[in-house]
PDB file of all heavy atoms in Angstrom:
ATOM      1  N   ALA A   1     103.859 248.371 178.455  1.00  0.00           N
ATOM      2  CA  ALA A   1     103.445 247.109 178.497  1.00  0.00           C
ATOM      3  C   ALA A   1     103.670 246.336 177.374  1.00  0.00           C
ATOM      4  O   ALA A   1     104.130 245.109 177.364  1.00  0.00           O
ATOM      5  CB  ALA A   1     102.018 247.097 178.838  1.00  0.00           C
ATOM      6  N   GLN A   2     103.487 246.867 176.116  1.00  0.00           N
ATOM      7  CA  GLN A   2     103.842 246.228 174.941  1.00  0.00           C
ATOM      8  C   GLN A   2     105.253 245.866 174.719  1.00  0.00           C
ATOM      9  O   GLN A   2     105.646 244.755 174.323  1.00  0.00           O
ATOM     10  CB  GLN A   2     103.369 247.091 173.790  1.00  0.00           C
ATOM     11  CG  GLN A   2     103.644 246.611 172.330  1.00  0.00           C
ATOM     12  CD  GLN A   2     103.263 247.466 171.221  1.00  0.00           C
ATOM     13  OE1 GLN A   2     103.014 248.606 171.411  1.00  0.00           O
ATOM     14  NE2 GLN A   2     103.379 246.965 169.985  1.00  0.00           N
ATOM     15  N   ALA A   3     106.247 246.762 175.164  1.00  0.00           N
ATOM     16  CA  ALA A   3     107.604 246.547 175.160  1.00  0.00           C
ATOM     17  C   ALA A   3     107.971 245.338 175.955  1.00  0.00           C
ATOM     18  O   ALA A   3     108.882 244.431 175.686  1.00  0.00           O
ATOM     19  CB  ALA A   3     108.440 247.781 175.570  1.00  0.00           C
ATOM     20  N   ASN A   4     107.368 245.304 177.181  1.00  0.00           N
ATOM     21  CA  ASN A   4     107.552 244.157 178.218  1.00  0.00           C
ATOM     22  C   ASN A   4     106.990 242.899 177.570  1.00  0.00           C
ATOM     23  O   ASN A   4     107.718 241.813 177.618  1.00  0.00           O
ATOM     24  CB  ASN A   4     106.778 244.449 179.463  1.00  0.00           C
ATOM     25  CG  ASN A   4     106.827 243.297 180.410  1.00  0.00           C
ATOM     26  OD1 ASN A   4     105.825 242.782 180.612  1.00  0.00           O
ATOM     27  ND2 ASN A   4     108.030 243.067 180.941  1.00  0.00           N
ATOM     28  N   ARG A   5     105.862 242.906 176.938  1.00  0.00           N
ATOM     29  CA  ARG A   5     105.243 241.835 176.477  1.00  0.00           C
ATOM     30  C   ARG A   5     105.790 241.135 175.282  1.00  0.00           C
ATOM     31  O   ARG A   5     106.085 239.987 175.035  1.00  0.00           O
ATOM     32  CB  ARG A   5     103.727 242.024 176.326  1.00  0.00           C
ATOM     33  CG  ARG A   5     102.887 240.962 175.848  1.00  0.00           C
ATOM     34  CD  ARG A   5     101.378 241.221 175.863  1.00  0.00           C
ATOM     35  NE  ARG A   5     101.271 242.275 174.932  1.00  0.00           N
ATOM     36  CZ  ARG A   5     100.890 243.562 175.154  1.00  0.00           C
ATOM     37  NH1 ARG A   5     100.722 244.029 176.427  1.00  0.00           N
ATOM     38  NH2 ARG A   5     100.716 244.481 174.226  1.00  0.00           N
ATOM     39  N   GLU A   6     106.089 242.117 174.279  1.00  0.00           N
ATOM     40  CA  GLU A   6     106.535 241.559 172.831  1.00  0.00           C
ATOM     41  C   GLU A   6     107.984 241.511 172.669  1.00  0.00           C
ATOM     42  O   GLU A   6     108.387 240.729 171.887  1.00  0.00           O
ATOM     43  CB  GLU A   6     105.773 242.571 171.837  1.00  0.00           C
ATOM     44  CG  GLU A   6     104.198 242.486 171.902  1.00  0.00           C
ATOM     45  CD  GLU A   6     103.709 243.390 170.801  1.00  0.00           C
ATOM     46  OE1 GLU A   6     104.331 243.928 170.049  1.00  0.00           O
ATOM     47  OE2 GLU A   6     102.367 243.676 170.938  1.00  0.00           O
ATOM     48  N   LEU A   7     108.580 242.431 173.361  1.00  0.00           N
ATOM     49  CA  LEU A   7     110.153 242.498 173.142  1.00  0.00           C
ATOM     50  C   LEU A   7     110.820 241.782 174.300  1.00  0.00           C
ATOM     51  O   LEU A   7     112.039 241.668 174.331  1.00  0.00           O
ATOM     52  CB  LEU A   7     110.600 243.984 173.084  1.00  0.00           C
ATOM     53  CG  LEU A   7     109.867 244.834 171.913  1.00  0.00           C
ATOM     54  CD1 LEU A   7     110.463 246.229 172.021  1.00  0.00           C
ATOM     55  CD2 LEU A   7     110.252 244.166 170.669  1.00  0.00           C
ATOM     56  N   GLY A   8     110.131 241.481 175.326  1.00  0.00           N
ATOM     57  CA  GLY A   8     110.798 240.761 176.525  1.00  0.00           C
ATOM     58  C   GLY A   8     111.586 241.708 177.388  1.00  0.00           C
ATOM     59  O   GLY A   8     112.365 241.310 178.143  1.00  0.00           O
ATOM     60  N   THR A   9     111.305 242.993 177.200  1.00  0.00           N
ATOM     61  CA  THR A   9     112.067 244.012 177.968  1.00  0.00           C
ATOM     62  C   THR A   9     111.746 244.043 179.517  1.00  0.00           C
ATOM     63  O   THR A   9     110.503 244.009 179.775  1.00  0.00           O
ATOM     64  CB  THR A   9     111.831 245.367 177.472  1.00  0.00           C
ATOM     65  OG1 THR A   9     112.088 245.384 175.886  1.00  0.00           O
ATOM     66  CG2 THR A   9     112.824 246.451 178.009  1.00  0.00           C
ATOM     67  N   THR A  10     112.695 244.105 180.342  1.00  0.00           N
ATOM     68  CA  THR A  10     112.524 244.290 181.758  1.00  0.00           C
ATOM     69  C   THR A  10     112.122 245.719 181.893  1.00  0.00           C
ATOM     70  O   THR A  10     112.868 246.619 181.566  1.00  0.00           O
ATOM     71  CB  THR A  10     113.713 243.910 182.643  1.00  0.00           C
ATOM     72  OG1 THR A  10     114.095 242.566 182.285  1.00  0.00           O
ATOM     73  CG2 THR A  10     113.348 243.976 184.047  1.00  0.00           C
ATOM     74  N   VAL A  11     111.039 245.996 182.495  1.00  0.00           N
ATOM     75  CA  VAL A  11     110.480 247.396 182.757  1.00  0.00           C
ATOM     76  C   VAL A  11     110.299 247.729 184.260  1.00  0.00           C
ATOM     77  O   VAL A  11     109.594 246.993 185.030  1.00  0.00           O
ATOM     78  CB  VAL A  11     109.120 247.549 182.048  1.00  0.00           C
ATOM     79  CG1 VAL A  11     108.612 249.031 182.227  1.00  0.00           C
ATOM     80  CG2 VAL A  11     109.291 247.338 180.528  1.00  0.00           C
ATOM     81  N   VAL A  12     110.929 248.672 184.647  1.00  0.00           N
ATOM     82  CA  VAL A  12     110.783 249.297 186.051  1.00  0.00           C
ATOM     83  C   VAL A  12     110.153 250.680 185.942  1.00  0.00           C
ATOM     84  O   VAL A  12     110.746 251.518 185.417  1.00  0.00           O
ATOM     85  CB  VAL A  12     112.055 249.351 186.820  1.00  0.00           C
ATOM     86  CG1 VAL A  12     111.935 249.643 188.295  1.00  0.00           C
ATOM     87  CG2 VAL A  12     112.790 247.830 186.775  1.00  0.00           C
ATOM     88  N   ILE A  13     108.982 250.850 186.697  1.00  0.00           N
ATOM     89  CA  ILE A  13     108.289 252.088 186.645  1.00  0.00           C
ATOM     90  C   ILE A  13     108.215 252.613 188.018  1.00  0.00           C
ATOM     91  O   ILE A  13     107.595 252.097 188.964  1.00  0.00           O
ATOM     92  CB  ILE A  13     106.886 251.856 186.016  1.00  0.00           C
ATOM     93  CG1 ILE A  13     107.058 251.241 184.646  1.00  0.00           C
ATOM     94  CG2 ILE A  13     106.145 253.286 186.025  1.00  0.00           C
ATOM     95  CD1 ILE A  13     105.604 251.004 183.993  1.00  0.00           C
ATOM     96  N   ILE A  14     108.750 253.861 188.216  1.00  0.00           N
ATOM     97  CA  ILE A  14     108.442 254.695 189.458  1.00  0.00           C
ATOM     98  C   ILE A  14     107.262 255.568 189.289  1.00  0.00           C
ATOM     99  O   ILE A  14     107.108 256.103 188.228  1.00  0.00           O
ATOM    100  CB  ILE A  14     109.588 255.635 189.734  1.00  0.00           C
ATOM    101  CG1 ILE A  14     110.719 254.826 190.325  1.00  0.00           C
ATOM    102  CG2 ILE A  14     109.153 256.647 190.762  1.00  0.00           C
ATOM    103  CD1 ILE A  14     111.955 255.714 190.648  1.00  0.00           C
ATOM    104  N   THR A  15     106.207 255.565 190.256  1.00  0.00           N
ATOM    105  CA  THR A  15     105.071 256.352 190.077  1.00  0.00           C
ATOM    106  C   THR A  15     104.526 256.628 191.455  1.00  0.00           C
ATOM    107  O   THR A  15     104.735 255.966 192.452  1.00  0.00           O
ATOM    108  CB  THR A  15     103.943 255.618 189.262  1.00  0.00           C
ATOM    109  OG1 THR A  15     102.840 256.451 189.179  1.00  0.00           O
ATOM    110  CG2 THR A  15     103.459 254.319 189.962  1.00  0.00           C
ATOM    111  N   HIS A  16     103.782 257.795 191.631  1.00  0.00           N
ATOM    112  CA  HIS A  16     103.097 258.075 192.767  1.00  0.00           C
ATOM    113  C   HIS A  16     101.634 257.717 192.657  1.00  0.00           C
ATOM    114  O   HIS A  16     100.857 257.720 193.617  1.00  0.00           O
ATOM    115  CB  HIS A  16     103.066 259.637 193.081  1.00  0.00           C
ATOM    116  CG  HIS A  16     104.375 260.117 193.666  1.00  0.00           C
ATOM    117  ND1 HIS A  16     105.523 260.511 192.795  1.00  0.00           N
ATOM    118  CD2 HIS A  16     104.741 260.076 194.966  1.00  0.00           C
ATOM    119  CE1 HIS A  16     106.510 260.869 193.657  1.00  0.00           C
ATOM    120  NE2 HIS A  16     106.162 260.670 194.903  1.00  0.00           N
ATOM    121  N   ASN A  17     101.257 257.259 191.453  1.00  0.00           N
ATOM    122  CA  ASN A  17      99.934 256.727 191.210  1.00  0.00           C
ATOM    123  C   ASN A  17      99.682 255.272 191.544  1.00  0.00           C
ATOM    124  O   ASN A  17     100.074 254.439 190.819  1.00  0.00           O
ATOM    125  CB  ASN A  17      99.623 257.063 189.675  1.00  0.00           C
ATOM    126  CG  ASN A  17      98.069 256.862 189.263  1.00  0.00           C
ATOM    127  OD1 ASN A  17      97.356 256.130 190.007  1.00  0.00           O
ATOM    128  ND2 ASN A  17      97.712 257.528 188.256  1.00  0.00           N
ATOM    129  N   ALA A  18      99.066 255.034 192.669  1.00  0.00           N
ATOM    130  CA  ALA A  18      98.901 253.619 193.056  1.00  0.00           C
ATOM    131  C   ALA A  18      98.108 252.845 192.142  1.00  0.00           C
ATOM    132  O   ALA A  18      98.136 251.583 192.078  1.00  0.00           O
ATOM    133  CB  ALA A  18      98.202 253.634 194.422  1.00  0.00           C
ATOM    134  N   GLY A  19      97.289 253.481 191.284  1.00  0.00           N
ATOM    135  CA  GLY A  19      96.357 252.780 190.328  1.00  0.00           C
ATOM    136  C   GLY A  19      97.207 252.059 189.282  1.00  0.00           C
ATOM    137  O   GLY A  19      96.719 251.074 188.787  1.00  0.00           O
ATOM    138  N   ILE A  20      98.453 252.561 189.042  1.00  0.00           N
ATOM    139  CA  ILE A  20      99.208 251.963 188.034  1.00  0.00           C
ATOM    140  C   ILE A  20      99.801 250.623 188.439  1.00  0.00           C
ATOM    141  O   ILE A  20     100.236 249.751 187.567  1.00  0.00           O
ATOM    142  CB  ILE A  20     100.438 252.912 187.649  1.00  0.00           C
ATOM    143  CG1 ILE A  20      99.785 254.136 186.878  1.00  0.00           C
ATOM    144  CG2 ILE A  20     101.416 252.233 186.680  1.00  0.00           C
ATOM    145  CD1 ILE A  20     100.775 255.209 186.506  1.00  0.00           C
ATOM    146  N   ALA A  21      99.785 250.420 189.720  1.00  0.00           N
ATOM    147  CA  ALA A  21     100.485 249.133 190.233  1.00  0.00           C
ATOM    148  C   ALA A  21      99.832 247.958 189.756  1.00  0.00           C
ATOM    149  O   ALA A  21     100.489 246.851 189.641  1.00  0.00           O
ATOM    150  CB  ALA A  21     100.424 249.212 191.774  1.00  0.00           C
ATOM    151  N   ALA A  22      98.519 247.993 189.374  1.00  0.00           N
ATOM    152  CA  ALA A  22      97.850 246.794 189.014  1.00  0.00           C
ATOM    153  C   ALA A  22      98.365 246.172 187.641  1.00  0.00           C
ATOM    154  O   ALA A  22      97.974 245.042 187.293  1.00  0.00           O
ATOM    155  CB  ALA A  22      96.273 247.115 188.701  1.00  0.00           C
ATOM    156  N   MET A  23      99.056 246.945 186.837  1.00  0.00           N
ATOM    157  CA  MET A  23      99.582 246.396 185.635  1.00  0.00           C
ATOM    158  C   MET A  23     100.852 245.727 185.811  1.00  0.00           C
ATOM    159  O   MET A  23     101.385 245.097 184.800  1.00  0.00           O
ATOM    160  CB  MET A  23      99.767 247.497 184.575  1.00  0.00           C
ATOM    161  CG  MET A  23     100.920 248.566 184.975  1.00  0.00           C
ATOM    162  SD  MET A  23     101.190 249.794 183.682  1.00  0.00           S
ATOM    163  CE  MET A  23     101.928 248.935 182.353  1.00  0.00           C
ATOM    164  N   ALA A  24     101.513 245.636 187.007  1.00  0.00           N
ATOM    165  CA  ALA A  24     102.698 245.081 187.157  1.00  0.00           C
ATOM    166  C   ALA A  24     102.681 243.600 187.513  1.00  0.00           C
ATOM    167  O   ALA A  24     101.770 243.087 187.982  1.00  0.00           O
ATOM    168  CB  ALA A  24     103.453 245.853 188.315  1.00  0.00           C
ATOM    169  N   HIS A  25     103.796 242.867 187.339  1.00  0.00           N
ATOM    170  CA  HIS A  25     104.006 241.582 187.924  1.00  0.00           C
ATOM    171  C   HIS A  25     104.126 241.655 189.475  1.00  0.00           C
ATOM    172  O   HIS A  25     103.570 241.004 190.218  1.00  0.00           O
ATOM    173  CB  HIS A  25     105.184 240.814 187.311  1.00  0.00           C
ATOM    174  CG  HIS A  25     105.120 240.573 185.844  1.00  0.00           C
ATOM    175  ND1 HIS A  25     105.652 241.353 184.949  1.00  0.00           N
ATOM    176  CD2 HIS A  25     104.349 239.593 185.191  1.00  0.00           C
ATOM    177  CE1 HIS A  25     105.457 240.934 183.729  1.00  0.00           C
ATOM    178  NE2 HIS A  25     104.482 239.789 183.883  1.00  0.00           N
ATOM    179  N   ARG A  26     104.955 242.611 189.922  1.00  0.00           N
ATOM    180  CA  ARG A  26     105.189 242.857 191.298  1.00  0.00           C
ATOM    181  C   ARG A  26     105.195 244.411 191.593  1.00  0.00           C
ATOM    182  O   ARG A  26     105.559 245.105 190.814  1.00  0.00           O
ATOM    183  CB  ARG A  26     106.409 242.243 191.795  1.00  0.00           C
ATOM    184  CG  ARG A  26     106.538 240.682 191.833  1.00  0.00           C
ATOM    185  CD  ARG A  26     107.718 240.138 192.563  1.00  0.00           C
ATOM    186  NE  ARG A  26     108.985 240.649 191.789  1.00  0.00           N
ATOM    187  CZ  ARG A  26     110.122 240.842 192.432  1.00  0.00           C
ATOM    188  NH1 ARG A  26     110.287 240.616 193.753  1.00  0.00           N
ATOM    189  NH2 ARG A  26     111.217 241.366 191.796  1.00  0.00           N
ATOM    190  N   VAL A  27     104.965 244.693 192.837  1.00  0.00           N
ATOM    191  CA  VAL A  27     104.974 246.070 193.240  1.00  0.00           C
ATOM    192  C   VAL A  27     105.842 246.140 194.472  1.00  0.00           C
ATOM    193  O   VAL A  27     105.671 245.441 195.514  1.00  0.00           O
ATOM    194  CB  VAL A  27     103.451 246.623 193.627  1.00  0.00           C
ATOM    195  CG1 VAL A  27     103.655 248.114 193.919  1.00  0.00           C
ATOM    196  CG2 VAL A  27     102.646 246.355 192.498  1.00  0.00           C
ATOM    197  N   LEU A  28     106.846 247.003 194.504  1.00  0.00           N
ATOM    198  CA  LEU A  28     107.768 247.251 195.692  1.00  0.00           C
ATOM    199  C   LEU A  28     107.222 248.475 196.318  1.00  0.00           C
ATOM    200  O   LEU A  28     107.285 249.607 195.708  1.00  0.00           O
ATOM    201  CB  LEU A  28     109.293 247.380 195.194  1.00  0.00           C
ATOM    202  CG  LEU A  28     110.050 246.117 195.177  1.00  0.00           C
ATOM    203  CD1 LEU A  28     109.455 245.094 194.182  1.00  0.00           C
ATOM    204  CD2 LEU A  28     111.462 246.330 194.657  1.00  0.00           C
ATOM    205  N   HIS A  29     106.986 248.429 197.579  1.00  0.00           N
ATOM    206  CA  HIS A  29     106.527 249.636 198.351  1.00  0.00           C
ATOM    207  C   HIS A  29     107.630 250.068 199.223  1.00  0.00           C
ATOM    208  O   HIS A  29     108.355 249.371 200.037  1.00  0.00           O
ATOM    209  CB  HIS A  29     105.348 249.248 199.271  1.00  0.00           C
ATOM    210  CG  HIS A  29     104.181 248.867 198.529  1.00  0.00           C
ATOM    211  ND1 HIS A  29     103.106 249.727 198.339  1.00  0.00           N
ATOM    212  CD2 HIS A  29     103.744 247.653 197.929  1.00  0.00           C
ATOM    213  CE1 HIS A  29     102.211 249.120 197.637  1.00  0.00           C
ATOM    214  NE2 HIS A  29     102.488 247.941 197.448  1.00  0.00           N
ATOM    215  N   PHE A  30     108.084 251.320 199.077  1.00  0.00           N
ATOM    216  CA  PHE A  30     109.244 251.963 199.741  1.00  0.00           C
ATOM    217  C   PHE A  30     108.713 252.874 200.821  1.00  0.00           C
ATOM    218  O   PHE A  30     107.757 253.509 200.797  1.00  0.00           O
ATOM    219  CB  PHE A  30     110.065 252.767 198.755  1.00  0.00           C
ATOM    220  CG  PHE A  30     110.918 252.008 197.821  1.00  0.00           C
ATOM    221  CD1 PHE A  30     110.470 251.219 196.827  1.00  0.00           C
ATOM    222  CD2 PHE A  30     112.354 252.065 197.959  1.00  0.00           C
ATOM    223  CE1 PHE A  30     111.275 250.448 195.934  1.00  0.00           C
ATOM    224  CE2 PHE A  30     113.238 251.265 197.131  1.00  0.00           C
ATOM    225  CZ  PHE A  30     112.599 250.412 196.173  1.00  0.00           C
ATOM    226  N   ARG A  31     109.618 252.860 201.957  1.00  0.00           N
ATOM    227  CA  ARG A  31     109.459 253.766 203.031  1.00  0.00           C
ATOM    228  C   ARG A  31     110.776 253.982 203.689  1.00  0.00           C
ATOM    229  O   ARG A  31     111.554 252.946 204.029  1.00  0.00           O
ATOM    230  CB  ARG A  31     108.375 253.217 204.037  1.00  0.00           C
ATOM    231  CG  ARG A  31     108.084 254.237 205.189  1.00  0.00           C
ATOM    232  CD  ARG A  31     107.004 253.627 206.118  1.00  0.00           C
ATOM    233  NE  ARG A  31     107.429 252.397 206.752  1.00  0.00           N
ATOM    234  CZ  ARG A  31     106.821 251.209 206.651  1.00  0.00           C
ATOM    235  NH1 ARG A  31     105.883 251.034 205.855  1.00  0.00           N
ATOM    236  NH2 ARG A  31     107.440 250.245 207.366  1.00  0.00           N
ATOM    237  N   ASP A  32     111.188 255.270 203.892  1.00  0.00           N
ATOM    238  CA  ASP A  32     112.496 255.602 204.535  1.00  0.00           C
ATOM    239  C   ASP A  32     113.560 254.892 204.091  1.00  0.00           C
ATOM    240  O   ASP A  32     114.444 254.376 204.898  1.00  0.00           O
ATOM    241  CB  ASP A  32     112.199 255.298 206.050  1.00  0.00           C
ATOM    242  CG  ASP A  32     111.150 256.037 206.762  1.00  0.00           C
ATOM    243  OD1 ASP A  32     110.824 257.122 206.292  1.00  0.00           O
ATOM    244  OD2 ASP A  32     110.350 255.438 207.679  1.00  0.00           O
ATOM    245  N   GLY A  33     113.775 254.788 202.754  1.00  0.00           N
ATOM    246  CA  GLY A  33     115.047 254.206 202.102  1.00  0.00           C
ATOM    247  C   GLY A  33     114.998 252.772 202.162  1.00  0.00           C
ATOM    248  O   GLY A  33     116.021 252.172 201.750  1.00  0.00           O
ATOM    249  N   GLN A  34     113.913 252.084 202.492  1.00  0.00           N
ATOM    250  CA  GLN A  34     113.960 250.677 202.519  1.00  0.00           C
ATOM    251  C   GLN A  34     112.706 250.131 201.665  1.00  0.00           C
ATOM    252  O   GLN A  34     111.701 250.836 201.493  1.00  0.00           O
ATOM    253  CB  GLN A  34     113.787 250.130 203.940  1.00  0.00           C
ATOM    254  CG  GLN A  34     115.020 250.442 204.810  1.00  0.00           C
ATOM    255  CD  GLN A  34     114.895 250.012 206.207  1.00  0.00           C
ATOM    256  OE1 GLN A  34     113.738 250.112 206.721  1.00  0.00           O
ATOM    257  NE2 GLN A  34     115.872 249.332 206.755  1.00  0.00           N
ATOM    258  N   ILE A  35     112.847 248.876 201.230  1.00  0.00           N
ATOM    259  CA  ILE A  35     111.671 248.113 200.632  1.00  0.00           C
ATOM    260  C   ILE A  35     110.804 247.596 201.808  1.00  0.00           C
ATOM    261  O   ILE A  35     111.144 246.685 202.429  1.00  0.00           O
ATOM    262  CB  ILE A  35     112.123 247.036 199.742  1.00  0.00           C
ATOM    263  CG1 ILE A  35     112.976 247.665 198.585  1.00  0.00           C
ATOM    264  CG2 ILE A  35     110.999 246.374 199.187  1.00  0.00           C
ATOM    265  CD1 ILE A  35     113.714 246.580 197.775  1.00  0.00           C
ATOM    266  N   ALA A  36     109.741 248.293 202.011  1.00  0.00           N
ATOM    267  CA  ALA A  36     108.861 247.993 203.196  1.00  0.00           C
ATOM    268  C   ALA A  36     108.031 246.666 203.000  1.00  0.00           C
ATOM    269  O   ALA A  36     107.957 245.825 203.883  1.00  0.00           O
ATOM    270  CB  ALA A  36     107.856 249.125 203.488  1.00  0.00           C
ATOM    271  N   ARG A  37     107.661 246.510 201.674  1.00  0.00           N
ATOM    272  CA  ARG A  37     106.807 245.345 201.375  1.00  0.00           C
ATOM    273  C   ARG A  37     106.877 245.009 199.964  1.00  0.00           C
ATOM    274  O   ARG A  37     107.039 246.011 199.246  1.00  0.00           O
ATOM    275  CB  ARG A  37     105.533 245.226 202.009  1.00  0.00           C
ATOM    276  CG  ARG A  37     104.592 246.310 201.455  1.00  0.00           C
ATOM    277  CD  ARG A  37     103.232 246.243 202.285  1.00  0.00           C
ATOM    278  NE  ARG A  37     102.204 247.140 201.850  1.00  0.00           N
ATOM    279  CZ  ARG A  37     101.377 247.040 200.829  1.00  0.00           C
ATOM    280  NH1 ARG A  37     101.236 245.876 200.279  1.00  0.00           N
ATOM    281  NH2 ARG A  37     100.534 248.019 200.475  1.00  0.00           N
ATOM    282  N   ILE A  38     106.632 243.838 199.535  1.00  0.00           N
ATOM    283  CA  ILE A  38     106.456 243.407 198.097  1.00  0.00           C
ATOM    284  C   ILE A  38     105.109 242.844 197.918  1.00  0.00           C
ATOM    285  O   ILE A  38     104.724 241.885 198.586  1.00  0.00           O
ATOM    286  CB  ILE A  38     107.516 242.466 197.589  1.00  0.00           C
ATOM    287  CG1 ILE A  38     108.914 243.123 197.778  1.00  0.00           C
ATOM    288  CG2 ILE A  38     107.340 241.948 196.229  1.00  0.00           C
ATOM    289  CD1 ILE A  38     110.057 242.199 197.607  1.00  0.00           C
ATOM    290  N   GLU A  39     104.359 243.331 196.799  1.00  0.00           N
ATOM    291  CA  GLU A  39     103.101 242.830 196.486  1.00  0.00           C
ATOM    292  C   GLU A  39     103.189 242.021 195.248  1.00  0.00           C
ATOM    293  O   GLU A  39     103.760 242.645 194.276  1.00  0.00           O
ATOM    294  CB  GLU A  39     102.100 243.957 196.465  1.00  0.00           C
ATOM    295  CG  GLU A  39     100.706 243.664 196.005  1.00  0.00           C
ATOM    296  CD  GLU A  39      99.854 245.014 195.967  1.00  0.00           C
ATOM    297  OE1 GLU A  39     100.372 246.102 196.359  1.00  0.00           O
ATOM    298  OE2 GLU A  39      98.698 244.857 195.493  1.00  0.00           O
ATOM    299  N   VAL A  40     102.728 240.907 195.070  1.00  0.00           N
ATOM    300  CA  VAL A  40     102.679 240.103 193.899  1.00  0.00           C
ATOM    301  C   VAL A  40     101.220 240.298 193.280  1.00  0.00           C
ATOM    302  O   VAL A  40     100.232 239.794 194.002  1.00  0.00           O
ATOM    303  CB  VAL A  40     103.039 238.846 194.134  1.00  0.00           C
ATOM    304  CG1 VAL A  40     103.021 237.912 192.836  1.00  0.00           C
ATOM    305  CG2 VAL A  40     104.437 238.685 194.796  1.00  0.00           C
TER     306      VAL A  40
END
């Protein structure tokens, strides 16, 4: 988050932990090889 905030780095995080999603600007939910929905 610091790298994103202070260095302006674009950060993409894969996780199985849904709790981590709250730190993101957006969350992409995947299912069967597709982006099923986007949460802002």
